[in-house]
């Protein structure tokens, strides 16, 4: 579960396949040009609480945790700044664009 949360943080804040609009060729072709969360980056403490429910069907647990990360980070950004971001990655450039669009 923690791994999926970390992957979700990376996807939400950094990851984006980039391409050349004129040629439509993908330009992020390797791990150097594709931004991801790195081991040296600050990662918040992730606390997992498992609730045993014998009446629930057996399902995957870790996979579903990635789905809530972008919403949680987006809502935290909105709560802190009043700027609603609607497209990942939530990087500084995207934040400034969302802030400018909101003022318009």
PDB file of N, CA and C in Angstrom:
ATOM      1  N   UNK A   1       0.813  -1.189   0.000  1.00  0.00           N
ATOM      2  CA  UNK A   1       0.000   0.000   0.000  1.00  0.00           C
ATOM      3  C   UNK A   1       0.859   1.256   0.000  1.00  0.00           C
ATOM      4  N   UNK A   2       1.905   1.242   0.822  1.00  0.00           N
ATOM      5  CA  UNK A   2       2.769   2.419   0.892  1.00  0.00           C
ATOM      6  C   UNK A   2       3.432   2.683  -0.461  1.00  0.00           C
ATOM      7  N   UNK A   3       3.829   1.615  -1.145  1.00  0.00           N
ATOM      8  CA  UNK A   3       4.449   1.762  -2.458  1.00  0.00           C
ATOM      9  C   UNK A   3       3.519   2.415  -3.463  1.00  0.00           C
ATOM     10  N   UNK A   4       2.245   2.062  -3.416  1.00  0.00           N
ATOM     11  CA  UNK A   4       1.279   2.663  -4.329  1.00  0.00           C
ATOM     12  C   UNK A   4       1.055   4.139  -3.994  1.00  0.00           C
ATOM     13  N   UNK A   5       1.077   4.481  -2.728  1.00  0.00           N
ATOM     14  CA  UNK A   5       0.942   5.893  -2.347  1.00  0.00           C
ATOM     15  C   UNK A   5       2.142   6.682  -2.870  1.00  0.00           C
ATOM     16  N   UNK A   6       3.345   6.128  -2.710  1.00  0.00           N
ATOM     17  CA  UNK A   6       4.545   6.804  -3.211  1.00  0.00           C
ATOM     18  C   UNK A   6       4.485   6.928  -4.732  1.00  0.00           C
ATOM     19  N   UNK A   7       4.047   5.874  -5.412  1.00  0.00           N
ATOM     20  CA  UNK A   7       3.902   5.951  -6.865  1.00  0.00           C
ATOM     21  C   UNK A   7       2.859   7.005  -7.242  1.00  0.00           C
ATOM     22  N   UNK A   8       1.791   7.094  -6.475  1.00  0.00           N
ATOM     23  CA  UNK A   8       0.772   8.111  -6.721  1.00  0.00           C
ATOM     24  C   UNK A   8       1.295   9.520  -6.520  1.00  0.00           C
ATOM     25  N   UNK A   9       2.144   9.709  -5.508  1.00  0.00           N
ATOM     26  CA  UNK A   9       2.766  11.020  -5.283  1.00  0.00           C
ATOM     27  C   UNK A   9       3.637  11.384  -6.480  1.00  0.00           C
ATOM     28  N   UNK A  10       4.421  10.426  -6.951  1.00  0.00           N
ATOM     29  CA  UNK A  10       5.282  10.667  -8.104  1.00  0.00           C
ATOM     30  C   UNK A  10       4.460  11.035  -9.326  1.00  0.00           C
ATOM     31  N   UNK A  11       3.411  10.283  -9.576  1.00  0.00           N
ATOM     32  CA  UNK A  11       2.554  10.550 -10.742  1.00  0.00           C
ATOM     33  C   UNK A  11       1.881  11.918 -10.626  1.00  0.00           C
ATOM     34  N   UNK A  12       1.441  12.252  -9.433  1.00  0.00           N
ATOM     35  CA  UNK A  12       0.711  13.499  -9.222  1.00  0.00           C
ATOM     36  C   UNK A  12       1.603  14.731  -9.319  1.00  0.00           C
ATOM     37  N   UNK A  13       2.816  14.645  -8.804  1.00  0.00           N
ATOM     38  CA  UNK A  13       3.672  15.828  -8.744  1.00  0.00           C
ATOM     39  C   UNK A  13       4.680  15.946  -9.886  1.00  0.00           C
ATOM     40  N   UNK A  14       5.063  14.826 -10.481  1.00  0.00           N
ATOM     41  CA  UNK A  14       6.170  14.871 -11.432  1.00  0.00           C
ATOM     42  C   UNK A  14       5.883  14.297 -12.815  1.00  0.00           C
ATOM     43  N   UNK A  15       5.292  13.125 -12.874  1.00  0.00           N
ATOM     44  CA  UNK A  15       5.312  12.337 -14.103  1.00  0.00           C
ATOM     45  C   UNK A  15       4.441  12.919 -15.213  1.00  0.00           C
ATOM     46  N   UNK A  16       5.033  12.983 -16.390  1.00  0.00           N
ATOM     47  CA  UNK A  16       4.330  13.491 -17.559  1.00  0.00           C
ATOM     48  C   UNK A  16       5.086  13.044 -18.808  1.00  0.00           C
ATOM     49  N   UNK A  17       4.394  12.369 -19.695  1.00  0.00           N
ATOM     50  CA  UNK A  17       4.989  12.022 -20.978  1.00  0.00           C
ATOM     51  C   UNK A  17       4.950  13.276 -21.839  1.00  0.00           C
ATOM     52  N   UNK A  18       6.107  13.710 -22.289  1.00  0.00           N
ATOM     53  CA  UNK A  18       6.181  14.925 -23.106  1.00  0.00           C
ATOM     54  C   UNK A  18       6.414  14.547 -24.565  1.00  0.00           C
ATOM     55  N   UNK A  19       5.891  15.394 -25.444  1.00  0.00           N
ATOM     56  CA  UNK A  19       6.059  15.127 -26.870  1.00  0.00           C
ATOM     57  C   UNK A  19       6.206  16.430 -27.633  1.00  0.00           C
ATOM     58  N   UNK A  20       6.774  16.311 -28.807  1.00  0.00           N
ATOM     59  CA  UNK A  20       6.943  17.444 -29.712  1.00  0.00           C
ATOM     60  C   UNK A  20       5.640  17.630 -30.472  1.00  0.00           C
ATOM     61  N   UNK A  21       4.998  18.767 -30.290  1.00  0.00           N
ATOM     62  CA  UNK A  21       3.686  18.997 -30.914  1.00  0.00           C
ATOM     63  C   UNK A  21       3.752  19.021 -32.440  1.00  0.00           C
ATOM     64  N   UNK A  22       4.869  19.445 -32.991  1.00  0.00           N
ATOM     65  CA  UNK A  22       4.981  19.510 -34.453  1.00  0.00           C
ATOM     66  C   UNK A  22       5.112  18.130 -35.083  1.00  0.00           C
ATOM     67  N   UNK A  23       5.970  17.299 -34.499  1.00  0.00           N
ATOM     68  CA  UNK A  23       6.200  15.973 -35.083  1.00  0.00           C
ATOM     69  C   UNK A  23       5.371  14.882 -34.425  1.00  0.00           C
ATOM     70  N   UNK A  24       4.772  15.182 -33.277  1.00  0.00           N
ATOM     71  CA  UNK A  24       4.024  14.213 -32.464  1.00  0.00           C
ATOM     72  C   UNK A  24       4.909  13.094 -31.932  1.00  0.00           C
ATOM     73  N   UNK A  25       6.222  13.295 -31.925  1.00  0.00           N
ATOM     74  CA  UNK A  25       7.141  12.303 -31.375  1.00  0.00           C
ATOM     75  C   UNK A  25       7.262  12.484 -29.868  1.00  0.00           C
ATOM     76  N   UNK A  26       7.299  11.378 -29.158  1.00  0.00           N
ATOM     77  CA  UNK A  26       7.506  11.417 -27.708  1.00  0.00           C
ATOM     78  C   UNK A  26       8.948  11.819 -27.442  1.00  0.00           C
ATOM     79  N   UNK A  27       9.141  12.787 -26.557  1.00  0.00           N
ATOM     80  CA  UNK A  27      10.488  13.263 -26.238  1.00  0.00           C
ATOM     81  C   UNK A  27      10.998  12.732 -24.903  1.00  0.00           C
ATOM     82  N   UNK A  28      10.131  12.231 -24.049  1.00  0.00           N
ATOM     83  CA  UNK A  28      10.586  11.623 -22.790  1.00  0.00           C
ATOM     84  C   UNK A  28      10.716  10.123 -23.025  1.00  0.00           C
ATOM     85  N   UNK A  29      11.901   9.723 -23.488  1.00  0.00           N
ATOM     86  CA  UNK A  29      12.118   8.343 -23.919  1.00  0.00           C
ATOM     87  C   UNK A  29      12.944   7.514 -22.945  1.00  0.00           C
ATOM     88  N   UNK A  30      13.426   8.125 -21.876  1.00  0.00           N
ATOM     89  CA  UNK A  30      14.256   7.388 -20.933  1.00  0.00           C
ATOM     90  C   UNK A  30      14.046   7.960 -19.531  1.00  0.00           C
ATOM     91  N   UNK A  31      14.698   7.360 -18.542  1.00  0.00           N
ATOM     92  CA  UNK A  31      14.513   7.788 -17.155  1.00  0.00           C
ATOM     93  C   UNK A  31      15.197   9.115 -16.869  1.00  0.00           C
ATOM     94  N   UNK A  32      16.060   9.579 -17.763  1.00  0.00           N
ATOM     95  CA  UNK A  32      16.689  10.884 -17.580  1.00  0.00           C
ATOM     96  C   UNK A  32      15.706  11.991 -17.952  1.00  0.00           C
ATOM     97  N   UNK A  33      14.961  11.772 -19.032  1.00  0.00           N
ATOM     98  CA  UNK A  33      14.046  12.811 -19.507  1.00  0.00           C
ATOM     99  C   UNK A  33      12.625  12.659 -18.968  1.00  0.00           C
ATOM    100  N   UNK A  34      12.339  11.558 -18.261  1.00  0.00           N
ATOM    101  CA  UNK A  34      11.003  11.345 -17.690  1.00  0.00           C
ATOM    102  C   UNK A  34      11.080  11.617 -16.191  1.00  0.00           C
ATOM    103  N   UNK A  35      10.425  12.674 -15.710  1.00  0.00           N
ATOM    104  CA  UNK A  35      10.555  13.033 -14.292  1.00  0.00           C
ATOM    105  C   UNK A  35       9.782  12.087 -13.372  1.00  0.00           C
ATOM    106  N   UNK A  36      10.449  11.639 -12.324  1.00  0.00           N
ATOM    107  CA  UNK A  36       9.815  10.783 -11.314  1.00  0.00           C
ATOM    108  C   UNK A  36      10.303  11.203  -9.927  1.00  0.00           C
ATOM    109  N   UNK A  37       9.583  10.783  -8.909  1.00  0.00           N
ATOM    110  CA  UNK A  37      10.013  10.974  -7.528  1.00  0.00           C
ATOM    111  C   UNK A  37      11.284  10.157  -7.320  1.00  0.00           C
ATOM    112  N   UNK A  38      12.303  10.760  -6.747  1.00  0.00           N
ATOM    113  CA  UNK A  38      13.583  10.078  -6.563  1.00  0.00           C
ATOM    114  C   UNK A  38      13.804   9.753  -5.089  1.00  0.00           C
ATOM    115  N   UNK A  39      14.727   8.839  -4.844  1.00  0.00           N
ATOM    116  CA  UNK A  39      14.993   8.409  -3.478  1.00  0.00           C
ATOM    117  C   UNK A  39      15.392   9.561  -2.570  1.00  0.00           C
ATOM    118  N   UNK A  40      16.068  10.570  -3.078  1.00  0.00           N
ATOM    119  CA  UNK A  40      16.487  11.699  -2.263  1.00  0.00           C
ATOM    120  C   UNK A  40      15.402  12.725  -2.000  1.00  0.00           C
ATOM    121  N   UNK A  41      14.271  12.612  -2.703  1.00  0.00           N
ATOM    122  CA  UNK A  41      13.176  13.566  -2.512  1.00  0.00           C
ATOM    123  C   UNK A  41      12.492  13.335  -1.165  1.00  0.00           C
ATOM    124  N   UNK A  42      11.957  14.400  -0.611  1.00  0.00           N
ATOM    125  CA  UNK A  42      11.250  14.298   0.670  1.00  0.00           C
ATOM    126  C   UNK A  42       9.953  13.523   0.471  1.00  0.00           C
ATOM    127  N   UNK A  43       9.776  12.483   1.239  1.00  0.00           N
ATOM    128  CA  UNK A  43       8.563  11.667   1.176  1.00  0.00           C
ATOM    129  C   UNK A  43       7.922  11.706   2.561  1.00  0.00           C
ATOM    130  N   UNK A  44       6.645  12.048   2.618  1.00  0.00           N
ATOM    131  CA  UNK A  44       5.993  12.116   3.927  1.00  0.00           C
ATOM    132  C   UNK A  44       5.862  10.729   4.548  1.00  0.00           C
ATOM    133  N   UNK A  45       5.734  10.695   5.860  1.00  0.00           N
ATOM    134  CA  UNK A  45       5.488   9.422   6.530  1.00  0.00           C
ATOM    135  C   UNK A  45       4.109   8.918   6.116  1.00  0.00           C
ATOM    136  N   UNK A  46       4.049   7.661   5.766  1.00  0.00           N
ATOM    137  CA  UNK A  46       2.793   7.046   5.354  1.00  0.00           C
ATOM    138  C   UNK A  46       2.414   6.030   6.422  1.00  0.00           C
ATOM    139  N   UNK A  47       1.268   6.225   7.029  1.00  0.00           N
ATOM    140  CA  UNK A  47       0.798   5.327   8.077  1.00  0.00           C
ATOM    141  C   UNK A  47      -0.361   4.512   7.521  1.00  0.00           C
ATOM    142  N   UNK A  48      -0.204   3.205   7.525  1.00  0.00           N
ATOM    143  CA  UNK A  48      -1.246   2.315   7.013  1.00  0.00           C
ATOM    144  C   UNK A  48      -2.012   1.720   8.184  1.00  0.00           C
ATOM    145  N   UNK A  49      -3.319   1.795   8.112  1.00  0.00           N
ATOM    146  CA  UNK A  49      -4.178   1.195   9.126  1.00  0.00           C
ATOM    147  C   UNK A  49      -5.050   0.164   8.422  1.00  0.00           C
ATOM    148  N   UNK A  50      -4.897  -1.086   8.795  1.00  0.00           N
ATOM    149  CA  UNK A  50      -5.698  -2.155   8.205  1.00  0.00           C
ATOM    150  C   UNK A  50      -6.885  -2.451   9.110  1.00  0.00           C
ATOM    151  N   UNK A  51      -8.050  -2.546   8.511  1.00  0.00           N
ATOM    152  CA  UNK A  51      -9.263  -2.848   9.261  1.00  0.00           C
ATOM    153  C   UNK A  51      -9.732  -4.230   8.840  1.00  0.00           C
ATOM    154  N   UNK A  52      -9.770  -5.141   9.771  1.00  0.00           N
ATOM    155  CA  UNK A  52     -10.179  -6.508   9.480  1.00  0.00           C
ATOM    156  C   UNK A  52     -11.704  -6.580   9.401  1.00  0.00           C
ATOM    157  N   UNK A  53     -12.209  -6.930   8.241  1.00  0.00           N
ATOM    158  CA  UNK A  53     -13.649  -7.057   8.041  1.00  0.00           C
ATOM    159  C   UNK A  53     -13.912  -8.429   7.441  1.00  0.00           C
ATOM    160  N   UNK A  54     -14.325  -9.363   8.259  1.00  0.00           N
ATOM    161  CA  UNK A  54     -14.529 -10.737   7.806  1.00  0.00           C
ATOM    162  C   UNK A  54     -15.712 -10.870   6.863  1.00  0.00           C
ATOM    163  N   UNK A  55     -16.596  -9.882   6.809  1.00  0.00           N
ATOM    164  CA  UNK A  55     -17.763  -9.947   5.931  1.00  0.00           C
ATOM    165  C   UNK A  55     -17.492  -9.390   4.535  1.00  0.00           C
ATOM    166  N   UNK A  56     -16.353  -8.755   4.344  1.00  0.00           N
ATOM    167  CA  UNK A  56     -16.026  -8.171   3.041  1.00  0.00           C
ATOM    168  C   UNK A  56     -15.361  -9.224   2.161  1.00  0.00           C
ATOM    169  N   UNK A  57     -15.616  -9.160   0.850  1.00  0.00           N
ATOM    170  CA  UNK A  57     -14.955 -10.115  -0.044  1.00  0.00           C
ATOM    171  C   UNK A  57     -13.456  -9.841  -0.120  1.00  0.00           C
ATOM    172  N   UNK A  58     -12.700 -10.846  -0.468  1.00  0.00           N
ATOM    173  CA  UNK A  58     -11.258 -10.702  -0.613  1.00  0.00           C
ATOM    174  C   UNK A  58     -10.979  -9.924  -1.896  1.00  0.00           C
ATOM    175  N   UNK A  59     -10.227  -8.844  -1.770  1.00  0.00           N
ATOM    176  CA  UNK A  59      -9.867  -8.019  -2.928  1.00  0.00           C
ATOM    177  C   UNK A  59      -8.438  -7.532  -2.763  1.00  0.00           C
ATOM    178  N   UNK A  60      -7.924  -6.867  -3.786  1.00  0.00           N
ATOM    179  CA  UNK A  60      -6.609  -6.248  -3.686  1.00  0.00           C
ATOM    180  C   UNK A  60      -6.661  -5.067  -2.740  1.00  0.00           C
ATOM    181  N   UNK A  61      -5.539  -4.748  -2.157  1.00  0.00           N
ATOM    182  CA  UNK A  61      -5.507  -3.633  -1.218  1.00  0.00           C
ATOM    183  C   UNK A  61      -4.638  -2.493  -1.723  1.00  0.00           C
ATOM    184  N   UNK A  62      -3.460  -2.799  -2.208  1.00  0.00           N
ATOM    185  CA  UNK A  62      -2.523  -1.756  -2.595  1.00  0.00           C
ATOM    186  C   UNK A  62      -2.916  -0.987  -3.829  1.00  0.00           C
ATOM    187  N   UNK A  63      -3.531  -1.674  -4.787  1.00  0.00           N
ATOM    188  CA  UNK A  63      -3.835  -1.029  -6.061  1.00  0.00           C
ATOM    189  C   UNK A  63      -4.771   0.160  -5.900  1.00  0.00           C
ATOM    190  N   UNK A  64      -5.723   0.055  -5.028  1.00  0.00           N
ATOM    191  CA  UNK A  64      -6.722   1.120  -4.910  1.00  0.00           C
ATOM    192  C   UNK A  64      -6.178   2.376  -4.238  1.00  0.00           C
ATOM    193  N   UNK A  65      -5.088   2.256  -3.508  1.00  0.00           N
ATOM    194  CA  UNK A  65      -4.572   3.433  -2.803  1.00  0.00           C
ATOM    195  C   UNK A  65      -4.042   4.495  -3.752  1.00  0.00           C
ATOM    196  N   UNK A  66      -3.620   4.114  -4.950  1.00  0.00           N
ATOM    197  CA  UNK A  66      -3.075   5.103  -5.890  1.00  0.00           C
ATOM    198  C   UNK A  66      -4.157   6.060  -6.379  1.00  0.00           C
ATOM    199  N   UNK A  67      -5.410   5.634  -6.350  1.00  0.00           N
ATOM    200  CA  UNK A  67      -6.489   6.439  -6.932  1.00  0.00           C
ATOM    201  C   UNK A  67      -6.829   7.684  -6.117  1.00  0.00           C
ATOM    202  N   UNK A  68      -6.515   7.694  -4.844  1.00  0.00           N
ATOM    203  CA  UNK A  68      -6.908   8.822  -3.999  1.00  0.00           C
ATOM    204  C   UNK A  68      -5.818   9.872  -3.821  1.00  0.00           C
ATOM    205  N   UNK A  69      -4.602   9.550  -4.246  1.00  0.00           N
ATOM    206  CA  UNK A  69      -3.467  10.433  -3.978  1.00  0.00           C
ATOM    207  C   UNK A  69      -3.617  11.786  -4.670  1.00  0.00           C
ATOM    208  N   UNK A  70      -3.939  11.796  -5.960  1.00  0.00           N
ATOM    209  CA  UNK A  70      -4.052  13.067  -6.685  1.00  0.00           C
ATOM    210  C   UNK A  70      -5.139  13.949  -6.079  1.00  0.00           C
ATOM    211  N   UNK A  71      -6.259  13.347  -5.709  1.00  0.00           N
ATOM    212  CA  UNK A  71      -7.341  14.127  -5.099  1.00  0.00           C
ATOM    213  C   UNK A  71      -6.905  14.709  -3.756  1.00  0.00           C
ATOM    214  N   UNK A  72      -6.194  13.916  -2.959  1.00  0.00           N
ATOM    215  CA  UNK A  72      -5.737  14.401  -1.654  1.00  0.00           C
ATOM    216  C   UNK A  72      -4.745  15.550  -1.807  1.00  0.00           C
ATOM    217  N   UNK A  73      -3.789  15.401  -2.718  1.00  0.00           N
ATOM    218  CA  UNK A  73      -2.811  16.469  -2.937  1.00  0.00           C
ATOM    219  C   UNK A  73      -3.487  17.696  -3.540  1.00  0.00           C
ATOM    220  N   UNK A  74      -4.368  17.484  -4.501  1.00  0.00           N
ATOM    221  CA  UNK A  74      -5.091  18.606  -5.112  1.00  0.00           C
ATOM    222  C   UNK A  74      -5.912  19.377  -4.103  1.00  0.00           C
ATOM    223  N   UNK A  75      -6.581  18.664  -3.209  1.00  0.00           N
ATOM    224  CA  UNK A  75      -7.369  19.341  -2.176  1.00  0.00           C
ATOM    225  C   UNK A  75      -6.476  20.060  -1.170  1.00  0.00           C
ATOM    226  N   UNK A  76      -5.310  19.494  -0.874  1.00  0.00           N
ATOM    227  CA  UNK A  76      -4.373  20.170   0.031  1.00  0.00           C
ATOM    228  C   UNK A  76      -3.867  21.470  -0.593  1.00  0.00           C
ATOM    229  N   UNK A  77      -3.562  21.431  -1.887  1.00  0.00           N
ATOM    230  CA  UNK A  77      -3.130  22.649  -2.585  1.00  0.00           C
ATOM    231  C   UNK A  77      -4.244  23.688  -2.555  1.00  0.00           C
ATOM    232  N   UNK A  78      -5.464  23.253  -2.816  1.00  0.00           N
ATOM    233  CA  UNK A  78      -6.603  24.176  -2.809  1.00  0.00           C
ATOM    234  C   UNK A  78      -6.817  24.768  -1.414  1.00  0.00           C
ATOM    235  N   UNK A  79      -6.771  23.922  -0.385  1.00  0.00           N
ATOM    236  CA  UNK A  79      -6.962  24.411   0.985  1.00  0.00           C
ATOM    237  C   UNK A  79      -5.888  25.423   1.373  1.00  0.00           C
ATOM    238  N   UNK A  80      -4.656  25.203   0.912  1.00  0.00           N
ATOM    239  CA  UNK A  80      -3.548  26.084   1.287  1.00  0.00           C
ATOM    240  C   UNK A  80      -3.507  27.370   0.473  1.00  0.00           C
ATOM    241  N   UNK A  81      -3.972  27.316  -0.791  1.00  0.00           N
ATOM    242  CA  UNK A  81      -3.762  28.464  -1.680  1.00  0.00           C
ATOM    243  C   UNK A  81      -5.032  29.021  -2.307  1.00  0.00           C
ATOM    244  N   UNK A  82      -6.103  28.239  -2.298  1.00  0.00           N
ATOM    245  CA  UNK A  82      -7.318  28.656  -2.983  1.00  0.00           C
ATOM    246  C   UNK A  82      -7.274  28.411  -4.482  1.00  0.00           C
ATOM    247  N   UNK A  83      -6.216  27.759  -4.959  1.00  0.00           N
ATOM    248  CA  UNK A  83      -6.075  27.460  -6.388  1.00  0.00           C
ATOM    249  C   UNK A  83      -6.450  26.005  -6.619  1.00  0.00           C
ATOM    250  N   UNK A  84      -7.420  25.789  -7.501  1.00  0.00           N
ATOM    251  CA  UNK A  84      -7.875  24.435  -7.826  1.00  0.00           C
ATOM    252  C   UNK A  84      -7.111  23.938  -9.050  1.00  0.00           C
ATOM    253  N   UNK A  85      -6.373  22.862  -8.869  1.00  0.00           N
ATOM    254  CA  UNK A  85      -5.641  22.250  -9.977  1.00  0.00           C
ATOM    255  C   UNK A  85      -6.419  21.030 -10.445  1.00  0.00           C
ATOM    256  N   UNK A  86      -6.578  20.904 -11.749  1.00  0.00           N
ATOM    257  CA  UNK A  86      -7.429  19.852 -12.291  1.00  0.00           C
ATOM    258  C   UNK A  86      -6.709  18.898 -13.229  1.00  0.00           C
ATOM    259  N   UNK A  87      -5.428  19.123 -13.470  1.00  0.00           N
ATOM    260  CA  UNK A  87      -4.689  18.242 -14.370  1.00  0.00           C
ATOM    261  C   UNK A  87      -3.301  18.003 -13.800  1.00  0.00           C
ATOM    262  N   UNK A  88      -2.934  16.735 -13.697  1.00  0.00           N
ATOM    263  CA  UNK A  88      -1.604  16.403 -13.211  1.00  0.00           C
ATOM    264  C   UNK A  88      -0.616  16.455 -14.363  1.00  0.00           C
ATOM    265  N   UNK A  89       0.647  16.692 -14.085  1.00  0.00           N
ATOM    266  CA  UNK A  89       1.270  16.806 -12.780  1.00  0.00           C
ATOM    267  C   UNK A  89       1.034  18.179 -12.145  1.00  0.00           C
ATOM    268  N   UNK A  90       0.962  18.182 -10.841  1.00  0.00           N
ATOM    269  CA  UNK A  90       0.795  19.422 -10.081  1.00  0.00           C
ATOM    270  C   UNK A  90       2.185  20.007  -9.797  1.00  0.00           C
ATOM    271  N   UNK A  91       2.861  20.457 -10.828  1.00  0.00           N
ATOM    272  CA  UNK A  91       4.195  21.028 -10.662  1.00  0.00           C
ATOM    273  C   UNK A  91       4.088  22.553 -10.567  1.00  0.00           C
ATOM    274  N   UNK A  92       5.183  23.239 -10.270  1.00  0.00           N
ATOM    275  CA  UNK A  92       5.108  24.697 -10.111  1.00  0.00           C
ATOM    276  C   UNK A  92       4.566  25.426 -11.341  1.00  0.00           C
ATOM    277  N   UNK A  93       4.961  25.000 -12.526  1.00  0.00           N
ATOM    278  CA  UNK A  93       4.476  25.654 -13.748  1.00  0.00           C
ATOM    279  C   UNK A  93       2.967  25.495 -13.877  1.00  0.00           C
ATOM    280  N   UNK A  94       2.471  24.292 -13.610  1.00  0.00           N
ATOM    281  CA  UNK A  94       1.030  24.039 -13.697  1.00  0.00           C
ATOM    282  C   UNK A  94       0.275  24.836 -12.638  1.00  0.00           C
ATOM    283  N   UNK A  95       0.874  24.969 -11.443  1.00  0.00           N
ATOM    284  CA  UNK A  95       0.238  25.757 -10.389  1.00  0.00           C
ATOM    285  C   UNK A  95       0.091  27.213 -10.818  1.00  0.00           C
ATOM    286  N   UNK A  96       1.171  27.784 -11.348  1.00  0.00           N
ATOM    287  CA  UNK A  96       1.114  29.187 -11.775  1.00  0.00           C
ATOM    288  C   UNK A  96       0.107  29.382 -12.904  1.00  0.00           C
ATOM    289  N   UNK A  97       0.021  28.423 -13.820  1.00  0.00           N
ATOM    290  CA  UNK A  97      -0.960  28.514 -14.907  1.00  0.00           C
ATOM    291  C   UNK A  97      -2.380  28.426 -14.363  1.00  0.00           C
ATOM    292  N   UNK A  98      -2.615  27.526 -13.412  1.00  0.00           N
ATOM    293  CA  UNK A  98      -3.949  27.394 -12.812  1.00  0.00           C
ATOM    294  C   UNK A  98      -4.317  28.652 -12.037  1.00  0.00           C
ATOM    295  N   UNK A  99      -3.341  29.225 -11.349  1.00  0.00           N
ATOM    296  CA  UNK A  99      -3.584  30.460 -10.596  1.00  0.00           C
ATOM    297  C   UNK A  99      -3.940  31.604 -11.539  1.00  0.00           C
ATOM    298  N   UNK A 100      -3.215  31.725 -12.641  1.00  0.00           N
ATOM    299  CA  UNK A 100      -3.494  32.784 -13.615  1.00  0.00           C
ATOM    300  C   UNK A 100      -4.855  32.577 -14.267  1.00  0.00           C
ATOM    301  N   UNK A 101      -5.194  31.342 -14.587  1.00  0.00           N
ATOM    302  CA  UNK A 101      -6.486  31.051 -15.218  1.00  0.00           C
ATOM    303  C   UNK A 101      -7.635  31.341 -14.271  1.00  0.00           C
ATOM    304  N   UNK A 102      -7.423  31.095 -12.996  1.00  0.00           N
ATOM    305  CA  UNK A 102      -8.468  31.335 -12.000  1.00  0.00           C
ATOM    306  C   UNK A 102      -8.747  32.826 -11.852  1.00  0.00           C
ATOM    307  N   UNK A 103      -7.712  33.654 -11.993  1.00  0.00           N
ATOM    308  CA  UNK A 103      -7.881  35.104 -11.874  1.00  0.00           C
ATOM    309  C   UNK A 103      -8.575  35.693 -13.095  1.00  0.00           C
ATOM    310  N   UNK A 104      -8.446  35.020 -14.237  1.00  0.00           N
ATOM    311  CA  UNK A 104      -9.016  35.550 -15.494  1.00  0.00           C
ATOM    312  C   UNK A 104     -10.522  35.456 -15.520  1.00  0.00           C
TER     313      UNK A 104
END
